[in-house]
Each structure stands twice: as structure tokens, then as C-alpha cells.
Amino acid sequence: MEHVAGAGRSVERVVEWYRGFAEHCAAAGAPAYARIAGALAEDERVLGLVASLPEGNKRQPNLLLGAVRFLGGPVSSWEEFGPWLVEHWEQVRRVVMQRRTQTNEVRRCATLLPVLAGLEGPLALVEVGASAGLCLQVDRYRYSYDGGDPIGPSGSPVVLECATSGPVPVPERVPEVVWRAGIDLDPLDVRSDEDMRWLEALVWPGPDEVRRRERLRAAARVSAQDPPWLVAGDLVEQLRVVAERAPGDARLVVFHSAVLAYLPGERREAFVAAVRELEGHWVSNEGARVLPDLVGARPEAGGDFVVALDGRVVAWAGEHGQSLAWVG
């Protein structure tokens, strides 16, 4: 009986997760995913399949939907998605077990740039949860705030647009980055067709899909010319090892975007303790509730991220870097 009760609770958690994801997608402009996730939460057979996956991130909606897209499955409606998922479940399961959610949304660099450019350089960057390391190329993209003239290297094929509010310290130039490294459990290679296909599969369908995919491809072309050093491993265990490789005449900056939500609470606390022990700066860009001990106000909009410097909130940001409201 305890096993049956445990299985029931497991399914209930999946239902809550997918219902919450459906609400988030509806608000974020991804109606197809909203419909699919909402319907999945009501389908007993599919819920059983998802609940058969290991507990934790392997049941994540983003990962499951990305796996279906990676395999060429339909994601426009539940009527197509549901039967396809059941028929191809073993293939989907293999992809889910092999892959991780590693969205590399380079537009988030637009919300990090005003913080990074305000630090005394030159900079040595370490990104935790780096995926393919595209956000480590922050100085190699161009930026347009509120439709203004782009700043950054004129030859870059990547232009990141961002709407601002409040006294955002929009820089006149990108920072000088002399060293860059990333940590990820399973780093992706921008020169690998399979890895790039996986990153594209993680882009949500919707009105912004084409632009996001184009940005991703352009950023990959930039990074392929000079890929950053990416280390496979746990972000807590590898942080000091990687940070100690940074050149001594550069200012160390550890940063991350939409990463810590995938860690259990005790690992987040361990990471915060580890990063605070380093000489340098810590820049975070996470969901409003991910780091509860940050000093400063939280945004009213539930989907907004919180940008913080050394544990102090300086701005609120759109989750994909589309907006930046300065509060610091």
C-alpha cells in the first residue's frame, strides 16, 4: 500500500509541475506548449509514463518537450503530441536520459552587460551552467537598448535588443574580457551538429521562435571562431578549480543565468558559500524565488528574473533578456 501511495504522490507532483508550466507558457507567449502541458496533466496514461522517469529534472516539461522536438515529433497540438509520445516513448525516454535542459539564450547577455561593463577590468569570466558557453562571448555581440544605435564590435552578426526602464547604466562599449571559462555537467560543443540541434530543440515554439533560433545560430558562429574553455563537472566542486586558472592580472567574475533553479536547495546554498569565498565578483540572473537571501526588492511580475551583483539586487529582467528594469 505504501508503494501505491508513493506512486500516487509522484503522479500528483508531475500534475502540479505541468499545470504550472502550462500557466507559465500561456503568460510567456508559448500557446502550443501551454495547451500540451495542460492536457498532459489530465491524461492518466501519459502521466504514468512521465512519472516512470527518475524523480527530479528528468521529468521537467522543458526536457520532455525538447526531446520530442529533437526527434522530429509534433508540438503544435495535444491531439498530435499525445499519441506520438505514447508511440515513440522509448525513443523519447532515451533522449531524456541522455540530455539535459541547457537553453543558451544569448539575449540574456543584454541584461548582464550593464553590470559587467560597470566593473573594473580587464575581466576573467567563469560561467556556471554554461551549456555551450554562448553567454561567455558577451563582449563579442552587439547591443541595442530601446532601439538605440548598437554598441559592440561592428562586425558581429549578433545584435541583442533590450527594452529598459529606470536608470539603467547603459555602457558606451563592451567590457574587455581577457579570459573565459565555463562549467557544466555536460558541456555542449557549438561545432557539433547534434549539440546544436539539441539547443535548437529547446527553443519554444511561438511568435519569437524564429528570432531566437536565428540569434542562437549567429552566436554559435561567433563562438566557433574562438570557443571558451568548458569544464565538465559539478558547479560547486569545480568552481574553485576553474577560478584558480584565471589570470592574476584580471578581475574574476563568476556569473550564471537560469541555472540554480535546477539545483536542490542545499546545493544552491553550497554554491553561494563557494562563490562568496572567491576573490572577485558574483553576478546572478535567476528567477525571483531561486536565491531568497539576496538583498533587495523582488519584481511584481512573476516571470521576471532578478539580476544581482555580489548578492545585492540591481535589476529585474525579462527571462529571455528582452527587458531590464534598474532598481539598484
Protein backbone atom coordinates (compact mmCIF):
# COMPACT_ATOMS: atom_id res chain seq x y z
CA MET A 1 0.00 0.00 0.00
CA GLU A 2 2.88 2.38 0.75
CA HIS A 3 4.21 1.79 -2.79
CA VAL A 4 0.81 2.63 -4.28
CA ALA A 5 0.53 5.76 -2.16
CA GLY A 6 4.05 6.80 -3.16
CA ALA A 7 3.25 6.33 -6.83
CA GLY A 8 0.15 8.46 -6.40
CA ARG A 9 2.13 11.30 -4.86
CA SER A 10 4.67 11.01 -7.66
CA VAL A 11 1.96 11.50 -10.27
CA GLU A 12 0.49 14.39 -8.28
CA ARG A 13 3.85 16.18 -8.38
CA VAL A 14 4.01 15.69 -12.15
CA VAL A 15 0.48 17.11 -12.49
CA GLU A 16 1.40 20.19 -10.44
CA TRP A 17 4.60 20.71 -12.42
CA TYR A 18 2.93 20.51 -15.83
CA ARG A 19 -0.02 22.67 -14.80
CA GLY A 20 2.35 25.31 -13.54
CA PHE A 21 4.37 25.10 -16.73
CA ALA A 22 1.19 25.48 -18.79
CA GLU A 23 0.33 28.67 -16.93
CA HIS A 24 3.86 29.99 -17.41
CA CYS A 25 3.84 29.23 -21.14
CA ALA A 26 0.49 30.93 -21.58
CA ALA A 27 1.85 34.08 -19.96
CA ALA A 28 5.17 33.86 -21.84
CA GLY A 29 3.67 33.66 -25.32
CA ALA A 30 4.07 29.94 -26.00
CA PRO A 31 0.43 28.86 -26.50
CA ALA A 32 1.20 25.47 -28.08
CA TYR A 33 3.31 24.38 -25.12
CA ALA A 34 0.65 25.75 -22.76
CA ARG A 35 -2.03 23.59 -24.38
CA ILE A 36 0.16 20.48 -24.48
CA ALA A 37 1.34 20.76 -20.88
CA GLY A 38 -2.17 21.46 -19.64
CA ALA A 39 -3.61 18.46 -21.48
CA LEU A 40 -0.76 16.20 -20.37
CA ALA A 41 -1.62 16.99 -16.76
CA GLU A 42 -5.08 15.47 -17.37
CA ASP A 43 -4.01 12.33 -19.26
CA GLU A 44 -3.53 9.35 -16.92
CA ARG A 45 -1.62 7.21 -19.39
CA VAL A 46 0.93 9.88 -20.29
CA LEU A 47 1.23 10.97 -16.66
CA GLY A 48 2.20 7.41 -15.82
CA LEU A 49 4.92 7.46 -18.47
CA VAL A 50 6.36 10.74 -17.21
CA ALA A 51 6.17 9.56 -13.60
CA SER A 52 8.19 6.48 -14.61
CA LEU A 53 11.18 8.75 -15.27
CA PRO A 54 13.61 9.35 -12.38
CA GLU A 55 12.37 11.97 -9.94
CA GLY A 56 13.68 15.46 -10.38
CA ASN A 57 14.77 17.24 -13.54
CA LYS A 58 14.27 14.23 -15.83
CA ARG A 59 10.51 14.85 -15.53
CA GLN A 60 10.86 18.52 -16.41
CA PRO A 61 8.41 19.79 -19.07
CA ASN A 62 11.16 21.66 -20.98
CA LEU A 63 13.22 18.49 -21.24
CA LEU A 64 10.36 16.26 -22.37
CA LEU A 65 9.10 18.72 -24.96
CA GLY A 66 12.63 19.36 -26.18
CA ALA A 67 13.19 15.63 -26.61
CA VAL A 68 10.07 15.33 -28.76
CA ARG A 69 11.20 18.24 -30.94
CA PHE A 70 14.69 16.75 -31.18
CA LEU A 71 13.17 13.55 -32.56
CA GLY A 72 11.02 15.42 -35.05
CA GLY A 73 7.77 14.92 -33.17
CA PRO A 74 4.75 17.27 -33.34
CA VAL A 75 4.44 20.10 -30.82
CA SER A 76 1.63 22.15 -32.32
CA SER A 77 -1.30 20.43 -30.56
CA TRP A 78 -2.06 17.83 -27.90
CA GLU A 79 -4.11 15.83 -30.40
CA GLU A 80 -0.92 15.13 -32.34
CA PHE A 81 1.57 15.25 -29.47
CA GLY A 82 -0.13 12.79 -27.11
CA PRO A 83 -0.46 9.78 -29.44
CA TRP A 84 3.00 10.42 -30.92
CA LEU A 85 4.57 10.49 -27.46
CA VAL A 86 2.95 7.19 -26.47
CA GLU A 87 4.01 5.51 -29.72
CA HIS A 88 7.60 6.76 -29.53
CA TRP A 89 8.02 6.69 -25.75
CA GLU A 90 11.16 4.54 -25.65
CA GLN A 91 12.95 6.86 -28.08
CA VAL A 92 11.84 9.92 -26.12
CA ARG A 93 12.93 8.31 -22.87
CA ARG A 94 16.41 7.64 -24.26
CA VAL A 95 16.84 11.28 -25.27
CA VAL A 96 15.54 12.48 -21.89
CA MET A 97 18.01 10.23 -20.07
CA GLN A 98 20.92 11.31 -22.30
CA ARG A 99 20.27 15.06 -22.41
CA ARG A 100 19.69 17.98 -20.05
CA THR A 101 17.83 21.26 -20.30
CA GLN A 102 20.63 23.59 -21.43
CA THR A 103 18.99 26.53 -23.15
CA ASN A 104 21.66 29.04 -24.23
CA GLU A 105 19.59 32.22 -24.59
CA VAL A 106 22.24 34.74 -25.63
CA ARG A 107 19.82 37.65 -25.31
CA ARG A 108 20.32 37.39 -21.56
CA CYS A 109 23.72 38.95 -22.19
CA ALA A 110 21.86 42.23 -22.72
CA THR A 111 20.73 42.14 -19.09
CA LEU A 112 24.20 41.20 -17.85
CA LEU A 113 26.15 43.74 -19.90
CA PRO A 114 25.38 46.89 -17.82
CA VAL A 115 26.60 45.04 -14.72
CA LEU A 116 29.74 43.60 -16.31
CA ALA A 117 30.65 46.85 -18.05
CA GLY A 118 30.48 48.66 -14.70
CA LEU A 119 33.23 46.50 -13.20
CA GLU A 120 36.88 47.47 -13.33
CA GLY A 121 38.59 45.31 -15.92
CA PRO A 122 40.06 43.52 -17.65
CA LEU A 123 37.69 40.66 -16.80
CA ALA A 124 38.14 36.91 -16.44
CA LEU A 125 34.73 35.27 -16.77
CA VAL A 126 33.56 31.99 -15.29
CA GLU A 127 30.03 30.91 -16.17
CA VAL A 128 28.46 28.08 -14.18
CA GLY A 129 25.82 26.07 -16.01
CA ALA A 130 27.44 27.26 -19.22
CA SER A 131 25.80 24.85 -21.69
CA ALA A 132 27.70 25.63 -24.94
CA GLY A 133 29.25 28.77 -23.45
CA LEU A 134 27.49 31.24 -25.73
CA CYS A 135 26.92 33.77 -22.94
CA LEU A 136 30.66 33.77 -22.27
CA GLN A 137 31.03 35.65 -25.57
CA VAL A 138 29.31 38.70 -24.08
CA ASP A 139 31.95 41.11 -25.46
CA ARG A 140 31.63 39.74 -28.99
CA TYR A 141 27.98 40.67 -29.55
CA ARG A 142 26.31 43.98 -30.34
CA TYR A 143 23.59 45.54 -28.17
CA SER A 144 20.74 47.93 -28.84
CA TYR A 145 18.89 49.34 -25.85
CA ASP A 146 15.48 50.90 -26.51
CA GLY A 147 16.14 50.95 -30.25
CA GLY A 148 19.32 53.00 -29.93
CA ASP A 149 22.47 52.67 -32.00
CA PRO A 150 24.19 49.35 -31.33
CA ILE A 151 27.31 49.18 -29.20
CA GLY A 152 29.90 46.46 -29.52
CA PRO A 153 32.08 45.09 -32.32
CA SER A 154 30.75 46.31 -35.65
CA GLY A 155 31.44 43.04 -37.44
CA SER A 156 29.41 40.87 -35.06
CA PRO A 157 26.41 39.09 -36.65
CA VAL A 158 24.59 39.13 -33.30
CA VAL A 159 22.54 42.17 -32.26
CA LEU A 160 20.72 41.82 -28.93
CA GLU A 161 17.82 44.20 -28.36
CA CYS A 162 16.56 45.08 -24.90
CA ALA A 163 13.91 47.48 -23.56
CA THR A 164 14.87 49.35 -20.40
CA SER A 165 13.21 51.22 -17.57
CA GLY A 166 14.73 53.12 -14.71
CA PRO A 167 18.32 54.44 -14.64
CA VAL A 168 19.95 51.54 -16.44
CA PRO A 169 23.68 52.35 -16.78
CA VAL A 170 23.81 51.56 -20.49
CA PRO A 171 27.51 51.35 -21.33
CA GLU A 172 29.19 53.04 -24.26
CA ARG A 173 31.31 49.98 -25.01
CA VAL A 174 31.54 46.33 -24.14
CA PRO A 175 33.94 45.27 -21.35
CA GLU A 176 37.40 43.92 -22.02
CA VAL A 177 37.34 40.15 -21.49
CA VAL A 178 40.77 38.51 -21.49
CA TRP A 179 39.85 35.01 -20.28
CA ARG A 180 36.68 32.94 -20.23
CA ALA A 181 35.72 29.51 -18.92
CA GLY A 182 32.53 27.59 -18.23
CA ILE A 183 31.39 24.73 -16.01
CA ASP A 184 28.58 22.37 -16.95
CA LEU A 185 27.62 18.80 -16.10
CA ASP A 186 27.53 18.04 -19.81
CA PRO A 187 29.08 20.86 -21.88
CA LEU A 188 27.85 21.26 -25.44
CA ASP A 189 30.07 21.95 -28.44
CA VAL A 190 28.95 24.62 -30.93
CA ARG A 191 30.92 22.74 -33.60
CA SER A 192 28.78 19.62 -33.09
CA ASP A 193 25.72 19.36 -35.33
CA GLU A 194 23.96 17.13 -32.79
CA ASP A 195 24.60 19.51 -29.90
CA MET A 196 23.37 22.48 -31.90
CA ARG A 197 20.30 20.55 -32.97
CA TRP A 198 19.59 19.89 -29.29
CA LEU A 199 19.92 23.59 -28.43
CA GLU A 200 17.52 24.46 -31.23
CA ALA A 201 15.06 21.82 -29.99
CA LEU A 202 14.96 23.66 -26.65
CA VAL A 203 13.70 26.88 -28.27
CA TRP A 204 9.98 27.20 -27.53
CA PRO A 205 7.57 27.39 -30.44
CA GLY A 206 5.75 30.70 -30.67
CA PRO A 207 5.97 34.19 -32.12
CA ASP A 208 9.60 34.69 -31.02
CA GLU A 209 10.79 31.25 -32.14
CA VAL A 210 12.37 32.27 -35.45
CA ARG A 211 14.26 35.22 -33.95
CA ARG A 212 15.55 33.13 -31.04
CA ARG A 213 16.77 30.40 -33.38
CA GLU A 214 18.49 32.95 -35.62
CA ARG A 215 20.22 34.51 -32.59
CA LEU A 216 21.32 31.08 -31.43
CA ARG A 217 22.83 30.18 -34.78
CA ALA A 218 24.58 33.52 -35.15
CA ALA A 219 26.02 33.31 -31.64
CA ALA A 220 27.24 29.78 -32.35
CA ARG A 221 29.09 31.06 -35.43
CA VAL A 222 30.79 33.70 -33.28
CA SER A 223 31.74 31.21 -30.58
CA ALA A 224 33.01 28.61 -33.05
CA GLN A 225 35.76 31.04 -34.07
CA ASP A 226 37.20 31.03 -30.53
CA PRO A 227 35.36 28.59 -28.23
CA PRO A 228 35.71 29.13 -24.49
CA TRP A 229 37.26 26.57 -22.18
CA LEU A 230 34.41 24.37 -20.92
CA VAL A 231 34.86 22.01 -17.99
CA ALA A 232 32.59 19.03 -17.38
CA GLY A 233 31.61 18.72 -13.74
CA ASP A 234 29.57 19.89 -10.79
CA LEU A 235 29.43 23.68 -10.46
CA VAL A 236 30.16 23.57 -6.72
CA GLU A 237 33.00 21.08 -6.88
CA GLN A 238 34.70 22.63 -9.92
CA LEU A 239 34.27 26.32 -9.13
CA ARG A 240 37.49 26.95 -7.24
CA VAL A 241 39.48 24.63 -9.52
CA VAL A 242 38.42 26.64 -12.57
CA ALA A 243 38.62 30.05 -10.90
CA GLU A 244 42.22 29.42 -9.86
CA ARG A 245 43.15 29.09 -13.54
CA ALA A 246 42.11 32.69 -14.24
CA PRO A 247 44.98 35.11 -14.91
CA GLY A 248 46.05 37.01 -11.82
CA ASP A 249 46.04 40.40 -13.55
CA ALA A 250 42.32 40.15 -14.47
CA ARG A 251 39.26 40.65 -12.30
CA LEU A 252 37.42 37.37 -11.72
CA VAL A 253 33.66 37.42 -12.36
CA VAL A 254 31.54 34.34 -11.72
CA PHE A 255 28.09 34.54 -13.33
CA HIS A 256 25.06 32.41 -14.15
CA SER A 257 21.61 32.74 -15.75
CA ALA A 258 18.61 30.46 -15.18
CA VAL A 259 20.80 27.72 -13.71
CA LEU A 260 20.36 27.42 -9.95
CA ALA A 261 16.66 26.57 -10.20
CA TYR A 262 17.75 23.11 -11.36
CA LEU A 263 19.68 22.50 -8.14
CA PRO A 264 18.16 21.32 -4.85
CA GLY A 265 18.18 23.92 -2.10
CA GLU A 266 21.22 22.57 -0.26
CA ARG A 267 23.35 22.64 -3.44
CA ARG A 268 22.33 26.24 -4.11
CA GLU A 269 23.46 27.13 -0.60
CA ALA A 270 26.73 25.28 -1.14
CA PHE A 271 27.31 27.19 -4.38
CA VAL A 272 26.61 30.56 -2.76
CA ALA A 273 29.05 29.72 0.04
CA ALA A 274 31.67 28.65 -2.52
CA VAL A 275 31.34 31.73 -4.73
CA ARG A 276 31.48 34.08 -1.74
CA GLU A 277 34.85 32.60 -0.77
CA LEU A 278 36.44 33.69 -4.05
CA GLU A 279 38.24 36.96 -4.68
CA GLY A 280 36.22 38.75 -7.36
CA HIS A 281 32.59 39.41 -8.22
CA TRP A 282 29.44 37.30 -8.40
CA VAL A 283 26.71 38.19 -10.92
CA SER A 284 23.45 36.22 -10.80
CA ASN A 285 20.40 36.28 -13.08
CA GLU A 286 17.80 33.88 -11.71
CA GLY A 287 14.10 33.53 -11.00
CA ALA A 288 12.78 35.74 -8.23
CA ARG A 289 12.49 32.94 -5.66
CA VAL A 290 15.66 30.98 -6.50
CA LEU A 291 18.02 32.96 -4.23
CA PRO A 292 15.89 34.12 -1.28
CA ASP A 293 18.80 35.67 0.63
CA LEU A 294 19.63 38.31 -1.98
CA VAL A 295 19.39 41.83 -0.59
CA GLY A 296 16.79 43.97 -2.38
CA ALA A 297 13.25 44.05 -3.71
CA ARG A 298 11.70 41.36 -5.87
CA PRO A 299 9.71 42.08 -9.07
CA GLU A 300 5.93 42.09 -9.08
CA ALA A 301 5.79 40.19 -12.38
CA GLY A 302 6.17 36.51 -11.51
CA GLY A 303 8.08 35.66 -14.69
CA ASP A 304 10.78 38.29 -14.27
CA PHE A 305 14.31 37.37 -13.22
CA VAL A 306 16.40 39.10 -10.58
CA VAL A 307 19.84 40.42 -11.53
CA ALA A 308 22.19 40.78 -8.59
CA LEU A 309 25.80 41.84 -8.06
CA ASP A 310 27.60 40.28 -5.10
CA GLY A 311 24.31 39.29 -3.52
CA ARG A 312 22.58 42.67 -3.92
CA VAL A 313 19.66 43.12 -6.34
CA VAL A 314 20.39 45.72 -9.01
CA ALA A 315 17.73 45.00 -11.66
CA TRP A 316 14.77 42.92 -12.78
CA ALA A 317 14.99 41.27 -16.18
CA GLY A 318 12.77 39.52 -18.68
CA GLU A 319 13.52 35.81 -18.56
CA HIS A 320 14.91 35.82 -22.11
CA GLY A 321 16.72 39.15 -21.79
CA GLN A 322 14.03 41.16 -23.56
CA SER A 323 13.76 43.79 -20.81
CA LEU A 324 15.74 45.29 -17.97
CA ALA A 325 14.37 47.43 -15.12
CA TRP A 326 17.07 49.01 -12.98
CA VAL A 327 16.42 49.14 -9.24
CA GLY A 328 19.95 49.24 -7.85
